[in-house]
């Protein structure tokens, strides 16, 4: 009698993708078993047209394309895993190259219709804004490289009194710093940079010697509280080229042989004015007196200094700061006052 023994072994149905790596780039892809997708993010220098993956599968399973075969991953690639029992599953492989771009593309102040000039070599952003612009609360609109971020962010009010450093961070974490510089344009000859209210911060008087040099040892200084309703002096310039000198300092004022004490009123002297930007000279045609010339030695957006030399051998130097861009027309209780002797505008000498 011939006896035959037959043994049957069940073939495996396992067909799972266990790992998917690009070892040359030290990148391991993320496998989503539920959606059967594989995603890999590669450094910016990777050549996606020629990538060689290393693939680990379930035991006895096979994959096509095979592990170790170079592939073009410009578009998604389908990998088919076949189990020992012949059953199959497909995985879709997506490869993304991480960006290293960290550039500022545009930098604008749309409300001002101003677009900055970007110097890529020096990593500088430079913009010139109109004379009246408040640079302490400017809101820039910034576009940057795709997938990058920027700090400070676009659309955030920023103080551009001093240069501001913007840091652009690329998707791969690399960074580029840009220095943004905002310049206020100088006033043109026919502009009126003085329109508004200016407070007198300090007035200096000093004698001059025979050669016209100041004698600093005899320096005399008056300081005032800016904007104080009970102290100081203001110069008001209106659009129509009229203005007022307002004195609230409560000083004893000498007018010739008369003494005027004003403890509860604002002394007001009206004037008309014109500005010669080429010669940095502001002319005030004061009531009761001839035209007063202010020699501007330092003019900025919100401050200016004038310095005048008088025939009586002294120099008056005044420092003023802007209190408002809008000149109000209310002076309250006022007393028309003739400027004091020796031609000083502020009447303190």
Protein backbone atom coordinates (compact mmCIF):
# COMPACT_ATOMS: atom_id res chain seq x y z
CA UNK A 1 0.00 0.00 0.00
CA UNK A 2 1.35 3.45 -0.99
CA UNK A 3 0.42 6.21 1.43
CA UNK A 4 0.71 9.88 0.47
CA UNK A 5 0.81 12.77 3.01
CA UNK A 6 -0.14 16.23 1.79
CA UNK A 7 0.61 19.35 3.90
CA UNK A 8 -1.10 22.76 3.07
CA UNK A 9 0.28 26.19 4.29
CA UNK A 10 -1.86 29.37 4.05
CA UNK A 11 -0.17 32.23 2.20
CA UNK A 12 0.11 35.67 3.89
CA UNK A 13 -2.24 38.49 2.91
CA UNK A 14 -0.07 41.17 4.59
CA UNK A 15 0.72 44.01 2.19
CA UNK A 16 1.56 47.03 4.30
CA UNK A 17 4.10 49.74 3.57
CA UNK A 18 6.09 49.92 6.83
CA UNK A 19 8.55 52.68 6.01
CA UNK A 20 9.47 54.92 3.07
CA UNK A 21 12.77 56.80 3.28
CA UNK A 22 15.05 58.96 1.18
CA UNK A 23 18.21 57.99 3.00
CA UNK A 24 20.52 60.21 0.96
CA UNK A 25 18.54 63.21 2.25
CA UNK A 26 17.94 61.76 5.73
CA UNK A 27 14.18 62.15 5.26
CA UNK A 28 11.54 59.63 6.31
CA UNK A 29 8.11 60.01 4.79
CA UNK A 30 4.87 59.98 6.76
CA UNK A 31 2.61 57.03 5.93
CA UNK A 32 -1.15 57.43 6.36
CA UNK A 33 -2.58 53.90 6.38
CA UNK A 34 -6.16 55.10 6.40
CA UNK A 35 -5.89 57.11 3.17
CA UNK A 36 -3.00 55.04 1.79
CA UNK A 37 -0.95 58.17 1.13
CA UNK A 38 2.73 58.80 1.78
CA UNK A 39 4.04 62.37 2.22
CA UNK A 40 7.63 63.60 2.32
CA UNK A 41 8.95 67.13 2.74
CA UNK A 42 12.42 67.53 1.31
CA UNK A 43 15.06 70.26 1.66
CA UNK A 44 15.12 72.94 -1.02
CA UNK A 45 18.17 71.47 -2.76
CA UNK A 46 16.58 68.06 -3.42
CA UNK A 47 16.26 66.99 -7.07
CA UNK A 48 12.73 65.57 -7.20
CA UNK A 49 13.29 64.22 -10.72
CA UNK A 50 15.78 61.64 -9.46
CA UNK A 51 15.00 60.34 -5.98
CA UNK A 52 15.76 56.85 -4.71
CA UNK A 53 13.52 55.60 -1.91
CA UNK A 54 14.28 52.78 0.50
CA UNK A 55 11.07 50.85 1.24
CA UNK A 56 10.30 48.34 3.98
CA UNK A 57 7.24 46.08 3.49
CA UNK A 58 5.31 43.38 5.27
CA UNK A 59 7.06 39.98 5.25
CA UNK A 60 6.91 38.18 1.92
CA UNK A 61 5.26 41.19 0.22
CA UNK A 62 6.59 42.85 -2.94
CA UNK A 63 6.33 46.41 -4.25
CA UNK A 64 6.32 47.97 -7.68
CA UNK A 65 8.24 50.17 -8.45
CA UNK A 66 10.83 48.39 -6.35
CA UNK A 67 12.79 49.76 -3.39
CA UNK A 68 16.09 51.32 -4.45
CA UNK A 69 14.86 52.32 -7.90
CA UNK A 70 15.29 56.02 -8.78
CA UNK A 71 12.02 57.74 -9.64
CA UNK A 72 10.78 61.15 -10.80
CA UNK A 73 8.58 62.58 -8.04
CA UNK A 74 7.66 65.77 -9.84
CA UNK A 75 4.12 64.41 -9.76
CA UNK A 76 2.62 61.89 -7.29
CA UNK A 77 3.86 58.33 -7.82
CA UNK A 78 1.73 55.20 -7.29
CA UNK A 79 3.35 52.23 -5.52
CA UNK A 80 1.57 48.84 -5.63
CA UNK A 81 2.24 46.39 -2.80
CA UNK A 82 1.43 42.75 -3.51
CA UNK A 83 0.96 40.28 -0.66
CA UNK A 84 2.16 36.67 -0.78
CA UNK A 85 -1.39 35.57 -1.53
CA UNK A 86 -1.54 37.88 -4.55
CA UNK A 87 -3.82 40.54 -3.02
CA UNK A 88 -2.76 44.13 -3.67
CA UNK A 89 -2.98 47.63 -2.28
CA UNK A 90 -1.79 50.91 -3.79
CA UNK A 91 -0.12 53.86 -2.06
CA UNK A 92 0.11 57.37 -3.50
CA UNK A 93 3.46 59.10 -2.74
CA UNK A 94 3.56 62.93 -2.58
CA UNK A 95 6.87 64.79 -2.39
CA UNK A 96 7.14 68.49 -1.49
CA UNK A 97 10.33 70.53 -1.61
CA UNK A 98 10.67 72.94 1.30
CA UNK A 99 11.22 76.58 0.25
CA UNK A 100 14.25 78.55 1.37
CA UNK A 101 12.93 81.82 -0.06
CA UNK A 102 12.90 84.65 2.50
CA UNK A 103 12.50 87.87 0.53
CA UNK A 104 10.45 91.03 0.88
CA UNK A 105 8.78 91.47 -2.50
CA UNK A 106 6.84 94.72 -1.99
CA UNK A 107 6.56 97.22 0.84
CA UNK A 108 3.90 99.90 0.54
CA UNK A 109 1.99 102.48 2.55
CA UNK A 110 -1.22 102.34 0.57
CA UNK A 111 -2.97 105.24 2.31
CA UNK A 112 -0.04 107.41 1.24
CA UNK A 113 0.33 105.85 -2.22
CA UNK A 114 3.98 105.30 -1.37
CA UNK A 115 5.95 102.21 -2.41
CA UNK A 116 9.34 101.62 -0.87
CA UNK A 117 12.48 100.83 -2.86
CA UNK A 118 13.94 97.43 -1.93
CA UNK A 119 17.70 96.97 -2.23
CA UNK A 120 18.30 93.20 -2.24
CA UNK A 121 22.07 93.55 -2.09
CA UNK A 122 22.05 95.72 1.04
CA UNK A 123 18.80 94.23 2.37
CA UNK A 124 17.35 97.71 2.78
CA UNK A 125 13.81 98.99 2.35
CA UNK A 126 13.63 102.77 1.88
CA UNK A 127 10.56 104.96 1.56
CA UNK A 128 10.02 108.71 1.46
CA UNK A 129 6.71 109.98 2.86
CA UNK A 130 5.09 113.41 2.61
CA UNK A 131 6.05 116.21 4.99
CA UNK A 132 2.86 115.99 7.10
CA UNK A 133 3.05 112.22 7.68
CA UNK A 134 3.02 110.91 11.25
CA UNK A 135 5.71 108.25 11.04
CA UNK A 136 5.02 106.93 14.55
CA UNK A 137 1.90 105.00 13.48
CA UNK A 138 2.50 104.01 9.86
CA UNK A 139 0.84 100.80 8.66
CA UNK A 140 2.86 98.99 5.97
CA UNK A 141 1.47 96.41 3.58
CA UNK A 142 4.18 93.84 2.89
CA UNK A 143 4.28 90.92 0.47
CA UNK A 144 6.92 88.24 0.95
CA UNK A 145 8.09 84.95 -0.57
CA UNK A 146 5.57 82.13 -0.74
CA UNK A 147 5.40 80.03 2.45
CA UNK A 148 7.52 82.59 4.34
CA UNK A 149 6.55 84.61 7.43
CA UNK A 150 7.61 88.08 8.56
CA UNK A 151 8.06 89.87 11.87
CA UNK A 152 6.85 92.52 12.59
CA UNK A 153 3.82 91.45 10.58
CA UNK A 154 2.29 93.24 7.61
CA UNK A 155 -0.60 95.53 8.53
CA UNK A 156 0.68 96.30 12.03
CA UNK A 157 1.03 100.01 13.03
CA UNK A 158 4.72 100.66 13.48
CA UNK A 159 6.87 103.56 14.66
CA UNK A 160 9.35 104.41 11.89
CA UNK A 161 11.02 107.30 13.72
CA UNK A 162 14.11 105.10 13.70
CA UNK A 163 14.99 102.28 11.27
CA UNK A 164 12.94 99.10 11.81
CA UNK A 165 14.38 95.61 11.27
CA UNK A 166 12.06 93.10 9.58
CA UNK A 167 12.91 89.39 9.79
CA UNK A 168 11.63 87.14 6.99
CA UNK A 169 11.63 83.42 7.84
CA UNK A 170 11.53 80.90 4.99
CA UNK A 171 9.64 77.61 5.17
CA UNK A 172 12.89 75.77 5.90
CA UNK A 173 13.64 78.07 8.86
CA UNK A 174 16.35 80.18 7.23
CA UNK A 175 16.02 83.92 7.86
CA UNK A 176 16.81 87.24 6.19
CA UNK A 177 16.81 90.61 7.96
CA UNK A 178 15.79 93.78 6.13
CA UNK A 179 16.21 97.30 7.54
CA UNK A 180 13.27 99.58 6.73
CA UNK A 181 14.08 103.30 6.69
CA UNK A 182 11.37 105.94 6.32
CA UNK A 183 12.40 109.48 5.40
CA UNK A 184 10.14 112.52 5.62
CA UNK A 185 10.48 114.62 2.49
CA UNK A 186 11.65 118.19 2.90
CA UNK A 187 9.02 120.88 2.34
CA UNK A 188 8.92 122.46 -1.09
CA UNK A 189 9.24 126.22 -1.47
CA UNK A 190 5.48 126.77 -1.77
CA UNK A 191 4.57 124.33 1.00
CA UNK A 192 3.56 125.65 4.42
CA UNK A 193 5.41 123.45 6.90
CA UNK A 194 4.64 125.79 9.80
CA UNK A 195 0.83 125.55 9.66
CA UNK A 196 -0.35 124.54 13.13
CA UNK A 197 0.44 125.44 16.72
CA UNK A 198 4.00 125.54 18.00
CA UNK A 199 4.97 125.77 21.65
CA UNK A 200 8.07 127.62 22.81
CA UNK A 201 10.16 125.14 24.77
CA UNK A 202 13.17 127.27 25.57
CA UNK A 203 14.59 130.72 24.74
CA UNK A 204 18.27 131.57 25.12
CA UNK A 205 19.80 135.01 25.16
CA UNK A 206 23.51 135.70 25.14
CA UNK A 207 25.67 138.69 24.41
CA UNK A 208 28.06 138.85 21.51
CA UNK A 209 31.55 140.31 21.51
CA UNK A 210 33.03 142.91 19.18
CA UNK A 211 33.61 140.25 16.52
CA UNK A 212 30.06 138.91 16.64
CA UNK A 213 30.92 135.79 18.64
CA UNK A 214 28.54 134.72 21.46
CA UNK A 215 29.76 135.20 24.99
CA UNK A 216 28.44 132.02 26.55
CA UNK A 217 29.35 133.10 30.07
CA UNK A 218 26.47 135.59 29.98
CA UNK A 219 23.96 133.04 28.67
CA UNK A 220 20.43 133.60 29.99
CA UNK A 221 17.78 130.91 29.51
CA UNK A 222 14.00 130.85 29.87
CA UNK A 223 12.25 127.48 29.87
CA UNK A 224 8.52 126.88 29.44
CA UNK A 225 6.06 124.06 29.95
CA UNK A 226 4.77 123.00 26.54
CA UNK A 227 1.01 123.16 26.21
CA UNK A 228 0.44 124.43 29.75
CA UNK A 229 -2.59 126.73 29.85
CA UNK A 230 -0.95 128.82 32.57
CA UNK A 231 2.60 129.01 31.31
CA UNK A 232 4.58 129.52 28.15
CA UNK A 233 4.09 130.95 24.70
CA UNK A 234 2.70 129.58 21.44
CA UNK A 235 3.05 130.60 17.81
CA UNK A 236 -0.04 129.88 15.71
CA UNK A 237 0.25 129.65 11.90
CA UNK A 238 -2.90 129.37 9.78
CA UNK A 239 -3.36 128.28 6.17
CA UNK A 240 -4.29 131.80 5.08
CA UNK A 241 -0.85 133.13 6.11
CA UNK A 242 -2.14 134.78 9.26
CA UNK A 243 -1.12 133.88 12.77
CA UNK A 244 -0.83 134.86 16.42
CA UNK A 245 1.78 135.01 19.13
CA UNK A 246 0.10 133.92 22.37
CA UNK A 247 1.77 134.60 25.72
CA UNK A 248 0.43 132.83 28.82
CA UNK A 249 3.59 133.14 30.90
CA UNK A 250 2.08 135.64 33.38
CA UNK A 251 5.23 137.70 33.30
CA UNK A 252 5.67 141.32 34.15
CA UNK A 253 5.99 142.96 30.75
CA UNK A 254 7.77 146.25 30.16
CA UNK A 255 6.41 148.33 27.29
CA UNK A 256 8.50 151.46 27.16
CA UNK A 257 7.99 153.14 30.54
CA UNK A 258 4.76 151.23 31.22
CA UNK A 259 4.54 148.02 33.21
CA UNK A 260 1.83 145.53 32.28
CA UNK A 261 1.00 142.64 34.64
CA UNK A 262 -1.39 140.06 33.23
CA UNK A 263 -2.17 137.33 35.79
CA UNK A 264 -5.37 136.05 34.20
CA UNK A 265 -5.29 136.64 30.46
CA UNK A 266 -3.51 135.55 27.29
CA UNK A 267 -1.57 138.25 25.53
CA UNK A 268 -2.13 137.98 21.79
CA UNK A 269 -0.21 139.63 18.99
CA UNK A 270 -1.46 138.98 15.47
CA UNK A 271 0.71 138.73 12.39
CA UNK A 272 0.87 137.67 8.76
CA UNK A 273 3.72 135.48 7.58
CA UNK A 274 5.61 134.08 4.61
CA UNK A 275 8.31 131.42 4.33
CA UNK A 276 11.39 131.49 2.13
CA UNK A 277 12.53 127.85 2.06
CA UNK A 278 15.59 128.55 -0.09
CA UNK A 279 17.00 130.96 2.48
CA UNK A 280 15.47 129.19 5.51
CA UNK A 281 13.80 132.40 6.61
CA UNK A 282 10.35 132.92 8.10
CA UNK A 283 8.98 136.47 7.89
CA UNK A 284 6.39 137.65 10.42
CA UNK A 285 4.66 140.98 9.78
CA UNK A 286 3.67 141.80 13.37
CA UNK A 287 0.96 144.21 14.38
CA UNK A 288 2.36 147.55 15.53
CA UNK A 289 5.91 146.74 14.32
CA UNK A 290 7.84 146.13 11.13
CA UNK A 291 8.42 142.69 9.64
CA UNK A 292 10.21 140.31 12.00
CA UNK A 293 12.65 137.89 10.37
CA UNK A 294 13.24 134.47 11.91
CA UNK A 295 16.47 132.84 10.75
CA UNK A 296 15.73 129.11 10.82
CA UNK A 297 18.82 127.15 11.83
CA UNK A 298 17.17 123.75 12.28
CA UNK A 299 13.83 122.72 10.80
CA UNK A 300 12.34 119.29 11.32
CA UNK A 301 8.84 117.94 10.98
CA UNK A 302 7.83 118.64 14.59
CA UNK A 303 10.43 121.08 15.80
CA UNK A 304 12.41 124.08 14.66
CA UNK A 305 14.99 126.51 16.00
CA UNK A 306 15.49 130.09 15.01
CA UNK A 307 18.37 132.36 15.88
CA UNK A 308 18.42 136.15 15.45
CA UNK A 309 21.19 138.62 16.09
CA UNK A 310 20.14 142.11 17.14
CA UNK A 311 21.89 145.45 16.78
CA UNK A 312 21.97 145.81 20.55
CA UNK A 313 24.67 143.17 20.82
CA UNK A 314 22.71 140.12 21.84
CA UNK A 315 21.41 136.98 20.20
CA UNK A 316 18.02 135.37 20.76
CA UNK A 317 17.76 131.63 20.09
CA UNK A 318 14.40 129.89 20.47
CA UNK A 319 13.45 126.21 20.41
CA UNK A 320 9.88 125.33 19.38
CA UNK A 321 7.97 122.06 19.17
CA UNK A 322 4.77 121.31 17.30
CA UNK A 323 1.70 121.01 19.52
CA UNK A 324 -0.89 120.54 16.77
CA UNK A 325 -1.26 120.43 13.00
CA UNK A 326 -4.62 122.20 13.30
CA UNK A 327 -4.42 125.86 14.34
CA UNK A 328 -7.43 126.61 16.54
CA UNK A 329 -9.07 129.98 16.26
CA UNK A 330 -10.02 130.41 19.88
CA UNK A 331 -7.73 132.48 22.09
CA UNK A 332 -10.09 132.96 25.01
CA UNK A 333 -9.69 136.19 26.87
CA UNK A 334 -7.05 138.24 25.09
CA UNK A 335 -5.16 141.46 25.45
CA UNK A 336 -3.48 142.96 22.40
CA UNK A 337 0.13 143.48 23.33
CA UNK A 338 2.92 145.45 21.73
CA UNK A 339 6.19 143.42 21.58
CA UNK A 340 8.71 144.66 24.11
CA UNK A 341 11.78 146.69 23.40
CA UNK A 342 14.87 145.77 21.41
CA UNK A 343 12.91 143.89 18.73
CA UNK A 344 12.78 140.48 20.44
CA UNK A 345 9.87 138.47 19.12
CA UNK A 346 9.25 136.70 22.40
CA UNK A 347 9.66 139.84 24.47
CA UNK A 348 11.94 138.52 27.19
CA UNK A 349 15.14 140.44 26.70
